[in-house]
């Protein structure tokens, strides 16, 4: 059964890289006629959410969007793992995408179990977005498309990783 709505939380120590990735993903989902909204530093009104507790307020907005069938892609800086885990608990139906830069930032705690990790620079442009799309298909958050179906080996690898993390 395909789920009606979910959230994608794009995280990483470099806010501009996370935002670029979020916009690329939103474009790809829009091409599939999926209703999508981005919450990032450029979103009008997000500055009103700023301050302590930003992640809870953003999670609340993402949950509201999901309740109305809109996929929320959130790319807001949250350097602590605990804050992102709180968001996951509040939202429920979400995946975390870690946009990992070439050099790590000592002030940023990388996620322990992101569903997708995208290394920068990407081996080929768009490969990270495609990996997110395929993961969403495996989780049945998105219907599969024939032209983007996994090979059997790719699907086994994704399922193995998600089972190892306890998601399946």
C-alpha atoms as a PDB file:
ATOM      1  CA  UNK A   1       0.000   0.000   0.000  1.00  0.00           C
ATOM      2  CA  UNK A   2       1.351   3.418  -0.956  1.00  0.00           C
ATOM      3  CA  UNK A   3       1.434   5.940   1.888  1.00  0.00           C
ATOM      4  CA  UNK A   4      -0.339   9.255   1.314  1.00  0.00           C
ATOM      5  CA  UNK A   5       2.298  11.672   2.615  1.00  0.00           C
ATOM      6  CA  UNK A   6       5.625  11.799   4.403  1.00  0.00           C
ATOM      7  CA  UNK A   7       8.494  14.155   5.145  1.00  0.00           C
ATOM      8  CA  UNK A   8      12.104  14.182   4.034  1.00  0.00           C
ATOM      9  CA  UNK A   9      14.545  15.853   6.418  1.00  0.00           C
ATOM     10  CA  UNK A  10      17.728  16.882   4.594  1.00  0.00           C
ATOM     11  CA  UNK A  11      20.564  17.466   7.022  1.00  0.00           C
ATOM     12  CA  UNK A  12      24.264  18.225   6.922  1.00  0.00           C
ATOM     13  CA  UNK A  13      26.823  20.661   8.271  1.00  0.00           C
ATOM     14  CA  UNK A  14      26.719  22.811   5.132  1.00  0.00           C
ATOM     15  CA  UNK A  15      23.293  24.495   5.001  1.00  0.00           C
ATOM     16  CA  UNK A  16      23.630  25.699   1.373  1.00  0.00           C
ATOM     17  CA  UNK A  17      24.448  22.143   0.206  1.00  0.00           C
ATOM     18  CA  UNK A  18      21.436  20.725   2.073  1.00  0.00           C
ATOM     19  CA  UNK A  19      19.194  23.407   0.551  1.00  0.00           C
ATOM     20  CA  UNK A  20      20.471  22.748  -2.990  1.00  0.00           C
ATOM     21  CA  UNK A  21      19.830  19.046  -2.518  1.00  0.00           C
ATOM     22  CA  UNK A  22      16.322  19.709  -1.150  1.00  0.00           C
ATOM     23  CA  UNK A  23      15.461  21.823  -4.204  1.00  0.00           C
ATOM     24  CA  UNK A  24      16.781  19.153  -6.593  1.00  0.00           C
ATOM     25  CA  UNK A  25      14.683  16.524  -4.817  1.00  0.00           C
ATOM     26  CA  UNK A  26      11.589  18.743  -4.873  1.00  0.00           C
ATOM     27  CA  UNK A  27      12.001  19.270  -8.612  1.00  0.00           C
ATOM     28  CA  UNK A  28      12.256  15.518  -9.177  1.00  0.00           C
ATOM     29  CA  UNK A  29       9.154  14.807  -7.065  1.00  0.00           C
ATOM     30  CA  UNK A  30       7.221  17.575  -8.852  1.00  0.00           C
ATOM     31  CA  UNK A  31       8.082  15.865 -12.168  1.00  0.00           C
ATOM     32  CA  UNK A  32       6.218  12.836 -10.789  1.00  0.00           C
ATOM     33  CA  UNK A  33       3.229  15.070  -9.991  1.00  0.00           C
ATOM     34  CA  UNK A  34       3.765  14.737  -6.246  1.00  0.00           C
ATOM     35  CA  UNK A  35       2.649  17.784  -4.217  1.00  0.00           C
ATOM     36  CA  UNK A  36       5.742  19.042  -2.418  1.00  0.00           C
ATOM     37  CA  UNK A  37       6.820  22.010  -0.300  1.00  0.00           C
ATOM     38  CA  UNK A  38      10.285  22.968   0.889  1.00  0.00           C
ATOM     39  CA  UNK A  39      10.975  24.395   4.325  1.00  0.00           C
ATOM     40  CA  UNK A  40      14.404  26.000   4.361  1.00  0.00           C
ATOM     41  CA  UNK A  41      15.995  29.315   5.305  1.00  0.00           C
ATOM     42  CA  UNK A  42      14.676  30.880   2.075  1.00  0.00           C
ATOM     43  CA  UNK A  43      11.047  29.904   2.720  1.00  0.00           C
ATOM     44  CA  UNK A  44       8.956  32.986   3.501  1.00  0.00           C
ATOM     45  CA  UNK A  45       7.961  32.975   7.167  1.00  0.00           C
ATOM     46  CA  UNK A  46      10.588  30.472   8.318  1.00  0.00           C
ATOM     47  CA  UNK A  47      12.457  33.284  10.042  1.00  0.00           C
ATOM     48  CA  UNK A  48       9.399  33.596  12.327  1.00  0.00           C
ATOM     49  CA  UNK A  49      10.040  29.992  13.452  1.00  0.00           C
ATOM     50  CA  UNK A  50      13.703  30.714  14.286  1.00  0.00           C
ATOM     51  CA  UNK A  51      15.145  30.379  17.759  1.00  0.00           C
ATOM     52  CA  UNK A  52      15.156  27.672  20.373  1.00  0.00           C
ATOM     53  CA  UNK A  53      12.766  24.909  19.415  1.00  0.00           C
ATOM     54  CA  UNK A  54      12.999  25.587  15.664  1.00  0.00           C
ATOM     55  CA  UNK A  55      13.078  21.868  14.925  1.00  0.00           C
ATOM     56  CA  UNK A  56       9.808  21.214  16.814  1.00  0.00           C
ATOM     57  CA  UNK A  57       8.046  24.072  15.038  1.00  0.00           C
ATOM     58  CA  UNK A  58       9.342  22.907  11.654  1.00  0.00           C
ATOM     59  CA  UNK A  59       8.263  19.332  12.478  1.00  0.00           C
ATOM     60  CA  UNK A  60       4.796  20.628  13.329  1.00  0.00           C
ATOM     61  CA  UNK A  61       4.533  22.415   9.959  1.00  0.00           C
ATOM     62  CA  UNK A  62       5.817  19.301   8.148  1.00  0.00           C
ATOM     63  CA  UNK A  63       3.214  17.176   9.944  1.00  0.00           C
ATOM     64  CA  UNK A  64       0.444  19.588   8.939  1.00  0.00           C
ATOM     65  CA  UNK A  65       1.562  19.494   5.320  1.00  0.00           C
ATOM     66  CA  UNK A  66       1.668  15.688   5.373  1.00  0.00           C
ATOM     67  CA  UNK A  67      -1.806  15.544   6.897  1.00  0.00           C
ATOM     68  CA  UNK A  68      -3.025  17.418   3.806  1.00  0.00           C
ATOM     69  CA  UNK A  69      -1.189  15.156   1.350  1.00  0.00           C
ATOM     70  CA  UNK A  70       1.807  17.419   0.739  1.00  0.00           C
ATOM     71  CA  UNK A  71       5.334  16.061   0.987  1.00  0.00           C
ATOM     72  CA  UNK A  72       7.463  18.330   3.179  1.00  0.00           C
ATOM     73  CA  UNK A  73      11.160  18.526   2.405  1.00  0.00           C
ATOM     74  CA  UNK A  74      12.868  20.208   5.347  1.00  0.00           C
ATOM     75  CA  UNK A  75      16.406  21.572   5.025  1.00  0.00           C
ATOM     76  CA  UNK A  76      17.019  23.506   8.218  1.00  0.00           C
ATOM     77  CA  UNK A  77      20.265  23.486  10.149  1.00  0.00           C
ATOM     78  CA  UNK A  78      20.129  21.310  13.259  1.00  0.00           C
ATOM     79  CA  UNK A  79      23.652  20.400  14.379  1.00  0.00           C
ATOM     80  CA  UNK A  80      22.644  18.024  17.188  1.00  0.00           C
ATOM     81  CA  UNK A  81      21.675  14.418  16.671  1.00  0.00           C
ATOM     82  CA  UNK A  82      19.234  14.541  19.605  1.00  0.00           C
ATOM     83  CA  UNK A  83      17.226  17.369  17.994  1.00  0.00           C
ATOM     84  CA  UNK A  84      16.916  15.413  14.745  1.00  0.00           C
ATOM     85  CA  UNK A  85      15.867  12.265  16.629  1.00  0.00           C
ATOM     86  CA  UNK A  86      13.164  14.288  18.419  1.00  0.00           C
ATOM     87  CA  UNK A  87      11.931  15.474  15.015  1.00  0.00           C
ATOM     88  CA  UNK A  88      11.782  11.883  13.735  1.00  0.00           C
ATOM     89  CA  UNK A  89       9.722  10.864  16.767  1.00  0.00           C
ATOM     90  CA  UNK A  90       7.322  13.770  16.252  1.00  0.00           C
ATOM     91  CA  UNK A  91       6.884  13.430  12.497  1.00  0.00           C
ATOM     92  CA  UNK A  92       6.893   9.643  12.331  1.00  0.00           C
ATOM     93  CA  UNK A  93       6.592   9.194   8.575  1.00  0.00           C
ATOM     94  CA  UNK A  94       9.898  10.583   7.374  1.00  0.00           C
ATOM     95  CA  UNK A  95      13.291   9.717   6.055  1.00  0.00           C
ATOM     96  CA  UNK A  96      16.526  11.467   6.911  1.00  0.00           C
ATOM     97  CA  UNK A  97      18.976  12.337   4.154  1.00  0.00           C
ATOM     98  CA  UNK A  98      22.496  13.191   5.267  1.00  0.00           C
ATOM     99  CA  UNK A  99      24.379  15.408   2.809  1.00  0.00           C
ATOM    100  CA  UNK A 100      27.963  14.676   3.812  1.00  0.00           C
ATOM    101  CA  UNK A 101      30.605  17.212   2.731  1.00  0.00           C
ATOM    102  CA  UNK A 102      34.157  16.343   1.760  1.00  0.00           C
ATOM    103  CA  UNK A 103      35.388  17.740   5.107  1.00  0.00           C
ATOM    104  CA  UNK A 104      33.530  17.081   8.346  1.00  0.00           C
ATOM    105  CA  UNK A 105      32.523  19.927  10.664  1.00  0.00           C
ATOM    106  CA  UNK A 106      33.534  19.417  14.313  1.00  0.00           C
ATOM    107  CA  UNK A 107      30.426  21.287  15.525  1.00  0.00           C
ATOM    108  CA  UNK A 108      27.989  19.031  13.663  1.00  0.00           C
ATOM    109  CA  UNK A 109      26.895  15.600  14.918  1.00  0.00           C
ATOM    110  CA  UNK A 110      26.262  13.366  11.881  1.00  0.00           C
ATOM    111  CA  UNK A 111      23.173  11.156  12.052  1.00  0.00           C
ATOM    112  CA  UNK A 112      23.784   7.587  13.180  1.00  0.00           C
ATOM    113  CA  UNK A 113      21.186   5.989  10.905  1.00  0.00           C
ATOM    114  CA  UNK A 114      20.137   8.139   7.958  1.00  0.00           C
ATOM    115  CA  UNK A 115      18.061   6.285   5.399  1.00  0.00           C
ATOM    116  CA  UNK A 116      20.191   7.889   2.674  1.00  0.00           C
ATOM    117  CA  UNK A 117      23.698   9.325   2.825  1.00  0.00           C
ATOM    118  CA  UNK A 118      24.849  11.490  -0.067  1.00  0.00           C
ATOM    119  CA  UNK A 119      28.564  12.224  -0.301  1.00  0.00           C
ATOM    120  CA  UNK A 120      29.711  15.478  -1.828  1.00  0.00           C
ATOM    121  CA  UNK A 121      30.808  15.809  -4.474  1.00  0.00           C
ATOM    122  CA  UNK A 122      28.404  13.255  -5.912  1.00  0.00           C
ATOM    123  CA  UNK A 123      29.943  10.615  -8.185  1.00  0.00           C
ATOM    124  CA  UNK A 124      27.447  11.632 -10.864  1.00  0.00           C
ATOM    125  CA  UNK A 125      25.057  14.610 -10.794  1.00  0.00           C
ATOM    126  CA  UNK A 126      21.646  13.633  -9.451  1.00  0.00           C
ATOM    127  CA  UNK A 127      22.726  10.238  -8.125  1.00  0.00           C
ATOM    128  CA  UNK A 128      21.831  11.214  -4.555  1.00  0.00           C
ATOM    129  CA  UNK A 129      18.357  12.364  -5.560  1.00  0.00           C
ATOM    130  CA  UNK A 130      17.834   9.110  -7.449  1.00  0.00           C
ATOM    131  CA  UNK A 131      18.940   7.167  -4.370  1.00  0.00           C
ATOM    132  CA  UNK A 132      16.339   9.020  -2.263  1.00  0.00           C
ATOM    133  CA  UNK A 133      13.610   8.329  -4.838  1.00  0.00           C
ATOM    134  CA  UNK A 134      14.477   4.637  -4.914  1.00  0.00           C
ATOM    135  CA  UNK A 135      14.496   4.450  -1.104  1.00  0.00           C
ATOM    136  CA  UNK A 136      11.056   6.096  -1.001  1.00  0.00           C
ATOM    137  CA  UNK A 137       9.841   3.473  -3.487  1.00  0.00           C
ATOM    138  CA  UNK A 138      11.238   0.575  -1.436  1.00  0.00           C
ATOM    139  CA  UNK A 139       9.561   1.974   1.682  1.00  0.00           C
ATOM    140  CA  UNK A 140       6.331   2.281  -0.384  1.00  0.00           C
ATOM    141  CA  UNK A 141       6.187   6.019   0.328  1.00  0.00           C
ATOM    142  CA  UNK A 142       6.142   6.471  -3.470  1.00  0.00           C
ATOM    143  CA  UNK A 143       4.766   4.147  -6.145  1.00  0.00           C
ATOM    144  CA  UNK A 144       7.423   2.455  -8.240  1.00  0.00           C
ATOM    145  CA  UNK A 145       8.028   3.643 -11.746  1.00  0.00           C
ATOM    146  CA  UNK A 146       9.076   1.094 -14.288  1.00  0.00           C
ATOM    147  CA  UNK A 147      11.946   3.176 -15.633  1.00  0.00           C
ATOM    148  CA  UNK A 148      13.412   3.725 -12.160  1.00  0.00           C
ATOM    149  CA  UNK A 149      12.967   0.236 -10.722  1.00  0.00           C
ATOM    150  CA  UNK A 150      15.854  -1.227  -8.780  1.00  0.00           C
ATOM    151  CA  UNK A 151      17.776  -4.151 -10.042  1.00  0.00           C
ATOM    152  CA  UNK A 152      17.296  -7.161  -7.782  1.00  0.00           C
ATOM    153  CA  UNK A 153      20.755  -6.635  -6.251  1.00  0.00           C
ATOM    154  CA  UNK A 154      20.109  -2.925  -5.574  1.00  0.00           C
ATOM    155  CA  UNK A 155      16.813  -3.729  -3.882  1.00  0.00           C
ATOM    156  CA  UNK A 156      18.464  -6.400  -1.712  1.00  0.00           C
ATOM    157  CA  UNK A 157      21.117  -3.867  -0.650  1.00  0.00           C
ATOM    158  CA  UNK A 158      18.562  -1.193   0.256  1.00  0.00           C
ATOM    159  CA  UNK A 159      16.365  -3.657   2.144  1.00  0.00           C
ATOM    160  CA  UNK A 160      19.403  -5.069   3.967  1.00  0.00           C
ATOM    161  CA  UNK A 161      20.456  -1.560   5.032  1.00  0.00           C
ATOM    162  CA  UNK A 162      16.959  -0.584   6.168  1.00  0.00           C
ATOM    163  CA  UNK A 163      16.571  -3.848   8.115  1.00  0.00           C
ATOM    164  CA  UNK A 164      19.954  -3.308   9.779  1.00  0.00           C
ATOM    165  CA  UNK A 165      18.720   0.063  10.976  1.00  0.00           C
ATOM    166  CA  UNK A 166      15.462  -1.435  12.222  1.00  0.00           C
ATOM    167  CA  UNK A 167      13.206   0.354   9.730  1.00  0.00           C
ATOM    168  CA  UNK A 168      11.884  -2.854   8.182  1.00  0.00           C
END
